[in-house]
Amino acid sequence: MPLNKQLLEILICPQCRGKVRLDEKLNGIICDKCKLLYEIKNDIPVMLVEEAKKIS
């Protein structure tokens, strides 16, 4: 999953505006504060709260 490191540095959670991290196992970007997974589809992170998946 080739995600630009600069892009990852500027991405924030659209819900809480907090930091996010890449999780290659789950193929997405995770906000630990909100417990949300933003999936990466076709190498593009889908940063929409309504499309994010709740994780535990």
N, C-alpha and C. Protein backbone atom coordinates (compact mmCIF):
# COMPACT_ATOMS: atom_id res chain seq x y z
N MET A 1 0.85 -1.17 0.00
CA MET A 1 0.00 0.00 0.00
C MET A 1 0.90 1.24 0.00
N PRO A 2 1.12 1.80 -1.15
CA PRO A 2 2.01 2.96 -1.24
C PRO A 2 1.29 4.25 -0.87
N LEU A 3 1.39 4.64 0.39
CA LEU A 3 0.77 5.88 0.82
C LEU A 3 1.90 6.88 1.12
N ASN A 4 1.83 8.03 0.52
CA ASN A 4 2.84 9.06 0.67
C ASN A 4 2.98 9.46 2.13
N LYS A 5 4.22 9.42 2.65
CA LYS A 5 4.47 9.75 4.06
C LYS A 5 4.09 11.19 4.37
N GLN A 6 4.29 12.10 3.44
CA GLN A 6 3.91 13.50 3.66
C GLN A 6 2.39 13.63 3.80
N LEU A 7 1.65 12.86 3.01
CA LEU A 7 0.20 12.89 3.11
C LEU A 7 -0.24 12.39 4.48
N LEU A 8 0.36 11.31 4.94
CA LEU A 8 0.02 10.76 6.23
C LEU A 8 0.29 11.75 7.36
N GLU A 9 1.34 12.53 7.24
CA GLU A 9 1.69 13.50 8.26
C GLU A 9 0.67 14.62 8.39
N ILE A 10 0.00 14.98 7.30
CA ILE A 10 -0.94 16.10 7.36
C ILE A 10 -2.39 15.65 7.55
N LEU A 11 -2.66 14.35 7.40
CA LEU A 11 -4.02 13.87 7.60
C LEU A 11 -4.42 13.94 9.07
N ILE A 12 -5.67 14.31 9.30
CA ILE A 12 -6.23 14.31 10.65
C ILE A 12 -7.59 13.64 10.60
N CYS A 13 -8.06 13.22 11.74
CA CYS A 13 -9.39 12.62 11.82
C CYS A 13 -10.42 13.72 11.57
N PRO A 14 -11.33 13.50 10.63
CA PRO A 14 -12.34 14.52 10.36
C PRO A 14 -13.36 14.69 11.49
N GLN A 15 -13.44 13.74 12.39
CA GLN A 15 -14.40 13.83 13.49
C GLN A 15 -13.84 14.63 14.68
N CYS A 16 -12.63 14.27 15.13
CA CYS A 16 -12.09 14.91 16.33
C CYS A 16 -10.91 15.83 16.04
N ARG A 17 -10.44 15.84 14.81
CA ARG A 17 -9.29 16.63 14.38
C ARG A 17 -7.98 16.16 15.03
N GLY A 18 -7.97 14.91 15.51
CA GLY A 18 -6.78 14.34 16.14
C GLY A 18 -5.89 13.64 15.14
N LYS A 19 -4.75 13.18 15.66
CA LYS A 19 -3.78 12.47 14.83
C LYS A 19 -4.31 11.10 14.43
N VAL A 20 -3.88 10.65 13.28
CA VAL A 20 -4.24 9.32 12.78
C VAL A 20 -2.96 8.56 12.47
N ARG A 21 -3.10 7.24 12.34
CA ARG A 21 -1.94 6.41 12.01
C ARG A 21 -2.34 5.38 10.96
N LEU A 22 -1.35 4.95 10.21
CA LEU A 22 -1.55 3.95 9.17
C LEU A 22 -1.53 2.56 9.79
N ASP A 23 -2.47 1.73 9.42
CA ASP A 23 -2.48 0.32 9.83
C ASP A 23 -2.53 -0.52 8.57
N GLU A 24 -1.38 -1.06 8.20
CA GLU A 24 -1.30 -1.83 6.95
C GLU A 24 -2.07 -3.14 7.03
N LYS A 25 -2.15 -3.72 8.23
CA LYS A 25 -2.90 -4.97 8.40
C LYS A 25 -4.37 -4.79 8.05
N LEU A 26 -4.96 -3.69 8.54
CA LEU A 26 -6.38 -3.42 8.30
C LEU A 26 -6.61 -2.62 7.02
N ASN A 27 -5.51 -2.27 6.33
CA ASN A 27 -5.58 -1.50 5.10
C ASN A 27 -6.36 -0.20 5.29
N GLY A 28 -5.94 0.56 6.30
CA GLY A 28 -6.63 1.81 6.54
C GLY A 28 -5.88 2.73 7.48
N ILE A 29 -6.52 3.83 7.77
CA ILE A 29 -5.99 4.83 8.67
C ILE A 29 -6.87 4.84 9.91
N ILE A 30 -6.23 4.82 11.06
CA ILE A 30 -6.95 4.67 12.33
C ILE A 30 -6.82 5.93 13.18
N CYS A 31 -7.94 6.32 13.76
CA CYS A 31 -7.95 7.33 14.81
C CYS A 31 -8.18 6.57 16.11
N ASP A 32 -7.15 6.54 16.96
CA ASP A 32 -7.26 5.80 18.23
C ASP A 32 -8.24 6.48 19.19
N LYS A 33 -8.35 7.78 19.12
CA LYS A 33 -9.25 8.52 20.02
C LYS A 33 -10.72 8.19 19.72
N CYS A 34 -11.09 8.22 18.46
CA CYS A 34 -12.48 7.95 18.05
C CYS A 34 -12.75 6.47 17.82
N LYS A 35 -11.68 5.66 17.75
CA LYS A 35 -11.80 4.22 17.46
C LYS A 35 -12.46 4.01 16.10
N LEU A 36 -11.97 4.76 15.10
CA LEU A 36 -12.50 4.66 13.74
C LEU A 36 -11.41 4.24 12.78
N LEU A 37 -11.80 3.43 11.81
CA LEU A 37 -10.92 2.99 10.73
C LEU A 37 -11.42 3.61 9.43
N TYR A 38 -10.56 4.39 8.81
CA TYR A 38 -10.85 4.98 7.51
C TYR A 38 -10.14 4.11 6.48
N GLU A 39 -10.92 3.43 5.66
CA GLU A 39 -10.35 2.49 4.70
C GLU A 39 -9.60 3.21 3.58
N ILE A 40 -8.64 2.49 3.01
CA ILE A 40 -7.91 2.98 1.85
C ILE A 40 -8.39 2.17 0.66
N LYS A 41 -8.97 2.87 -0.32
CA LYS A 41 -9.49 2.21 -1.52
C LYS A 41 -8.77 2.76 -2.74
N ASN A 42 -8.20 1.87 -3.54
CA ASN A 42 -7.44 2.27 -4.73
C ASN A 42 -6.34 3.27 -4.39
N ASP A 43 -5.65 3.00 -3.27
CA ASP A 43 -4.55 3.84 -2.77
C ASP A 43 -4.99 5.24 -2.34
N ILE A 44 -6.29 5.44 -2.08
CA ILE A 44 -6.80 6.73 -1.65
C ILE A 44 -7.53 6.55 -0.32
N PRO A 45 -7.10 7.27 0.74
CA PRO A 45 -7.81 7.17 2.01
C PRO A 45 -9.18 7.83 1.93
N VAL A 46 -10.20 7.09 2.37
CA VAL A 46 -11.57 7.61 2.37
C VAL A 46 -11.81 8.20 3.77
N MET A 47 -11.62 9.51 3.89
CA MET A 47 -11.67 10.19 5.18
C MET A 47 -13.06 10.80 5.42
N LEU A 48 -14.07 9.97 5.34
CA LEU A 48 -15.45 10.39 5.59
C LEU A 48 -15.96 9.68 6.84
N VAL A 49 -16.42 10.43 7.81
CA VAL A 49 -16.88 9.86 9.08
C VAL A 49 -17.99 8.86 8.83
N GLU A 50 -18.91 9.17 7.94
CA GLU A 50 -20.04 8.29 7.70
C GLU A 50 -19.65 6.97 7.03
N GLU A 51 -18.45 6.91 6.45
CA GLU A 51 -17.99 5.67 5.82
C GLU A 51 -16.95 4.94 6.66
N ALA A 52 -16.54 5.52 7.78
CA ALA A 52 -15.54 4.91 8.65
C ALA A 52 -16.16 3.73 9.39
N LYS A 53 -15.30 2.78 9.75
CA LYS A 53 -15.75 1.59 10.49
C LYS A 53 -15.31 1.71 11.94
N LYS A 54 -16.20 1.36 12.85
CA LYS A 54 -15.89 1.36 14.28
C LYS A 54 -15.00 0.18 14.60
N ILE A 55 -13.93 0.41 15.35
CA ILE A 55 -13.04 -0.67 15.78
C ILE A 55 -13.01 -0.70 17.30
N SER A 56 -12.60 -1.84 17.84
CA SER A 56 -12.57 -1.93 19.31
C SER A 56 -11.15 -1.95 19.83
